[in-house]
Protein backbone atom coordinates (compact mmCIF):
# COMPACT_ATOMS: atom_id res chain seq x y z
CA MET A 1 0.37 -0.40 0.19
CA ASP A 2 1.26 3.38 -0.12
CA ALA A 3 2.38 5.00 2.24
CA ARG A 4 0.97 8.52 1.50
CA ILE A 5 -2.82 7.22 1.15
CA ALA A 6 -2.37 5.29 4.76
CA ARG A 7 -0.69 8.46 6.15
CA LEU A 8 -3.68 10.35 4.75
CA GLY A 9 -6.18 7.90 5.47
CA SER A 10 -4.79 7.86 9.42
CA ALA A 11 -5.12 11.94 9.65
CA ALA A 12 -8.35 11.35 8.13
CA GLY A 13 -9.55 9.16 10.89
CA TRP A 14 -8.58 11.52 13.60
CA VAL A 15 -10.20 14.25 11.80
CA SER A 16 -13.28 12.37 11.47
CA VAL A 17 -13.52 11.90 15.21
CA ALA A 18 -12.63 15.12 16.03
CA MET A 19 -15.35 16.91 13.92
CA ILE A 20 -17.59 13.74 15.41
CA PHE A 21 -17.39 14.28 18.50
CA GLY A 22 -16.69 18.11 18.56
CA TYR A 23 -20.12 18.77 17.31
CA HIS A 24 -22.00 16.26 19.44
CA ILE A 25 -20.42 17.73 22.76
CA GLY A 26 -20.32 21.24 21.37
CA LEU A 27 -24.37 21.38 20.74
CA SER A 28 -24.37 19.47 24.29
CA ILE A 29 -22.95 22.34 25.99
CA LEU A 30 -24.15 25.14 24.03
CA ALA A 31 -27.85 23.95 23.12
CA GLY A 32 -28.37 21.17 25.85
CA GLN A 33 -29.58 17.88 25.73
CA ARG A 34 -30.90 16.97 22.45
CA VAL A 35 -34.30 15.13 21.85
CA SER A 36 -34.98 12.12 20.75
CA GLY A 37 -37.87 9.23 20.80
CA THR A 38 -40.45 12.21 21.80
CA ALA A 39 -43.66 13.91 19.94
CA ASP A 40 -43.83 16.39 22.44
CA ALA A 41 -43.96 19.24 20.39
CA ALA A 42 -43.30 21.83 23.20
CA ALA A 43 -39.89 19.97 24.54
CA ILE A 44 -38.86 19.50 20.38
CA GLU A 45 -39.53 23.31 19.96
CA ALA A 46 -37.51 24.39 22.67
CA TYR A 47 -34.45 22.82 21.97
CA TYR A 48 -34.61 23.81 17.93
CA ARG A 49 -35.09 27.61 19.41
CA SER A 50 -30.94 27.18 19.76
CA GLY A 51 -29.45 29.84 17.74
CA ILE A 52 -26.48 27.37 17.19
CA ILE A 53 -28.20 24.38 15.51
CA ALA A 54 -28.54 25.56 12.73
CA PRO A 55 -25.31 27.18 11.84
CA ALA A 56 -23.57 23.88 13.54
CA SER A 57 -25.21 22.06 10.27
CA ILE A 58 -22.23 23.15 8.22
CA TRP A 59 -19.56 21.41 10.57
CA ALA A 60 -21.67 18.36 10.23
CA PHE A 61 -21.78 18.92 6.45
CA LEU A 62 -17.90 19.34 6.43
CA ALA A 63 -16.90 16.02 7.93
CA VAL A 64 -18.38 13.62 5.32
CA VAL A 65 -14.86 14.69 3.45
CA PRO A 66 -12.16 13.09 6.19
CA ILE A 67 -14.88 9.97 6.12
CA ALA A 68 -14.85 9.41 2.94
CA ILE A 69 -11.37 10.02 2.70
CA PHE A 70 -11.04 7.52 5.81
CA VAL A 71 -13.20 4.74 4.85
CA LEU A 72 -11.50 4.80 1.68
CA ALA A 73 -8.07 4.29 2.74
CA LEU A 74 -9.27 1.23 4.88
CA ARG A 75 -11.00 -0.28 1.90
CA GLU A 76 -7.87 -0.32 0.12
CA ALA A 77 -5.77 -1.01 3.09
CA LEU A 78 -7.61 -4.28 3.84
CA GLY A 79 -8.22 -5.70 0.40
CA VAL A 80 -5.54 -7.81 0.30
CA SER A 81 -7.29 -10.95 -0.43
CA PRO A 82 -10.46 -12.23 -2.01
CA ARG A 83 -12.00 -12.57 1.41
CA THR A 84 -10.71 -9.07 2.93
CA ARG A 85 -11.58 -7.42 -0.72
CA PHE A 86 -14.90 -8.43 -0.41
CA LEU A 87 -15.59 -7.11 3.30
CA ALA A 88 -13.65 -3.88 2.58
CA THR A 89 -15.89 -3.15 -0.46
CA LEU A 90 -18.85 -4.41 1.44
CA ALA A 91 -18.06 -2.03 4.41
CA LEU A 92 -16.97 0.30 1.72
CA ILE A 93 -20.71 0.60 0.58
CA PHE A 94 -22.31 0.48 3.67
CA ALA A 95 -20.16 3.90 4.95
CA VAL A 96 -20.98 5.43 1.34
CA ALA A 97 -24.72 5.00 1.71
CA GLU A 98 -24.79 6.50 4.90
CA LEU A 99 -23.12 9.92 4.23
CA PRO A 100 -25.78 11.30 2.07
CA GLY A 101 -27.98 10.38 5.19
CA LEU A 102 -25.48 12.34 7.90
CA ILE A 103 -25.84 15.54 4.98
CA ALA A 104 -29.71 14.96 5.34
CA GLN A 105 -29.88 14.55 8.75
CA SER A 106 -28.24 17.81 9.34
CA ALA A 107 -29.84 19.75 6.74
CA LEU A 108 -32.90 18.40 8.49
CA GLU A 109 -32.08 20.01 11.77
CA ALA A 110 -31.69 23.47 9.94
CA THR A 111 -34.87 23.25 8.92
CA LEU A 112 -36.25 22.36 12.21
CA VAL A 113 -34.81 25.70 13.69
CA THR A 114 -36.56 26.98 11.23
CA ILE A 115 -39.99 25.84 12.18
CA ALA A 116 -39.45 26.28 16.23
CA SER A 117 -38.49 30.13 15.58
CA ARG A 118 -41.57 30.85 12.54
CA GLY A 119 -44.10 28.41 13.85
CA GLY A 120 -45.76 25.17 12.01
CA ASP A 121 -46.37 21.74 13.12
CA ILE A 122 -42.64 20.89 13.84
CA VAL A 123 -43.48 17.17 15.50
CA PRO A 124 -43.72 15.27 11.73
CA LEU A 125 -40.50 16.63 10.27
CA PHE A 126 -38.62 15.96 13.89
CA ARG A 127 -40.35 12.45 13.46
CA PHE A 128 -38.91 11.94 10.20
CA TRP A 129 -35.35 12.99 11.16
CA ASP A 130 -35.57 10.94 14.53
CA VAL A 131 -36.21 8.09 12.62
CA LEU A 132 -33.70 8.12 9.61
CA TYR A 133 -30.65 9.77 12.13
CA ASN A 134 -31.39 7.66 15.53
CA SER A 135 -32.55 4.76 14.06
CA GLY A 136 -32.05 4.08 10.26
CA LEU A 137 -28.64 5.23 9.68
CA TYR A 138 -27.47 3.09 13.05
CA VAL A 139 -27.98 -0.26 10.58
CA LEU A 140 -25.32 1.16 7.89
CA GLU A 141 -23.38 2.31 10.43
CA ALA A 142 -23.05 -1.25 11.81
CA GLY A 143 -22.47 -2.99 8.61
CA TRP A 144 -19.06 -1.23 7.93
CA ILE A 145 -18.09 -1.48 11.22
CA ALA A 146 -18.40 -4.94 11.62
CA ALA A 147 -17.73 -5.69 7.85
CA PHE A 148 -14.00 -3.58 8.03
CA GLY A 149 -13.56 -5.04 11.73
CA LEU A 150 -13.44 -8.91 10.23
CA ALA A 151 -11.46 -7.57 7.16
CA MET A 152 -8.84 -6.51 9.84
CA SER A 153 -7.91 -9.96 11.33
CA GLU A 154 -5.40 -10.44 8.09
CA SER A 155 -3.33 -7.43 9.11
CA ALA A 156 -0.74 -7.20 11.72
CA ALA A 157 -0.99 -3.60 11.37
CA PHE A 158 -4.19 -2.93 13.45
CA PRO A 159 -4.75 -3.94 17.39
CA ARG A 160 -5.36 -7.73 17.59
CA TRP A 161 -8.32 -6.81 19.47
CA LEU A 162 -9.73 -4.62 16.98
CA PRO A 163 -11.42 -7.54 15.21
CA ARG A 164 -13.76 -8.71 17.76
CA PHE A 165 -13.94 -5.12 19.32
CA SER A 166 -15.53 -4.15 15.77
CA LEU A 167 -18.30 -6.69 16.60
CA ALA A 168 -19.07 -5.44 19.87
CA VAL A 169 -19.58 -2.28 18.81
CA ALA A 170 -21.56 -2.83 15.74
CA GLY A 171 -24.25 -5.05 17.94
CA LEU A 172 -24.22 -1.56 20.08
CA GLN A 173 -25.02 0.50 17.55
CA LEU A 174 -27.79 -2.22 16.01
CA VAL A 175 -28.96 -1.70 19.62
CA ASN A 176 -29.05 2.11 19.41
CA MET A 177 -31.20 1.61 16.28
CA THR A 178 -33.82 0.41 18.59
CA ALA A 179 -33.47 2.89 21.23
CA ILE A 180 -36.84 5.35 19.94
CA TRP A 181 -38.85 2.30 19.27
CA VAL A 182 -38.45 0.26 22.90
CA GLY A 183 -37.67 3.36 24.78
CA ILE A 184 -33.89 3.24 25.63
CA PRO A 185 -32.83 6.29 27.48
CA ASP A 186 -30.94 8.76 24.45
CA GLN A 187 -28.27 9.05 26.66
CA ALA A 188 -27.43 5.47 27.00
CA THR A 189 -26.84 5.33 23.17
CA LEU A 190 -23.60 6.98 24.34
CA VAL A 191 -22.00 3.42 25.61
CA GLY A 192 -22.33 2.16 21.68
CA ASN A 193 -21.46 5.91 20.47
CA ILE A 194 -17.91 6.15 22.66
CA GLY A 195 -17.30 2.40 21.35
CA PHE A 196 -17.83 4.15 17.91
CA GLY A 197 -15.31 6.69 19.00
CA ILE A 198 -12.73 4.05 20.26
CA TRP A 199 -13.07 2.18 17.04
CA PHE A 200 -12.69 5.32 14.60
CA GLY A 201 -9.31 5.70 16.68
CA ALA A 202 -7.78 2.20 16.80
CA ALA A 203 -8.29 1.80 12.92
CA SER A 204 -6.52 4.92 12.50
CA VAL A 205 -3.52 3.75 14.25
CA GLY A 206 -3.88 0.67 12.25
CA LEU A 207 -3.53 3.10 9.44
CA GLY A 208 -0.53 5.14 10.81
CA ARG A 209 1.35 1.80 11.29
CA LEU A 210 0.75 1.04 7.84
CA ALA A 211 2.29 4.39 7.00
CA ALA A 212 5.15 3.82 9.01
CA SER A 213 5.77 0.05 7.46
CA PRO A 214 3.85 -0.35 4.40
CA VAL A 215 4.59 -3.55 3.49
CA ARG A 216 3.77 -5.31 6.78
CA ARG A 217 0.40 -5.28 6.55
CA VAL A 218 -0.37 -9.25 6.39
CA VAL A 219 -0.67 -11.93 8.47
CA ALA A 220 -0.12 -14.93 6.93
CA GLN A 221 -2.99 -17.30 7.27
CA PRO A 222 -2.57 -21.09 8.13
CA ALA A 223 -3.58 -23.45 5.79
């Protein structure tokens, strides 16, 4: 693998982590606890009257750029045999399918701010945002984390615990997918999201190792 691609992918991974968690932590500090899994119009409007949510969407739009670079670099790093090429390509497909959803959810949040400030029935659009972002997109996220994790089992560059951890994180994302349907508190989904951040960081470390020694990436498999 070209060390420059691995280096770029590693950097993009760390930038992605910073942008994703900076976005969510920043909104939590400036706008308060987000609302999810509710049809209470008053609570929804109270949250979306915050003036910071709409401009923060720009930050979320920009985050898809390093994420795309990161997942493409991972696909290039891991697709070294027919099995891992299939898994890494499947992961790339899941990730590429998720990116438009991330843009859409940010646009929806900015729109919800307009409805909250100018009037109108906010509940239907909020429900669409909630189902998209806090349920549907978790399925795609679980898919690409699991597929990349399985592909990592043949690479010496990535932490040995990461393939199993990937499956655990993917499982937690599927649990998060059910939260709005079964009444899991929104705060409880933080466990899976923190796990996702750890996975992102560990995968970035693996790409960084490939950049430092790109020829030592594959573990010989037993016959």
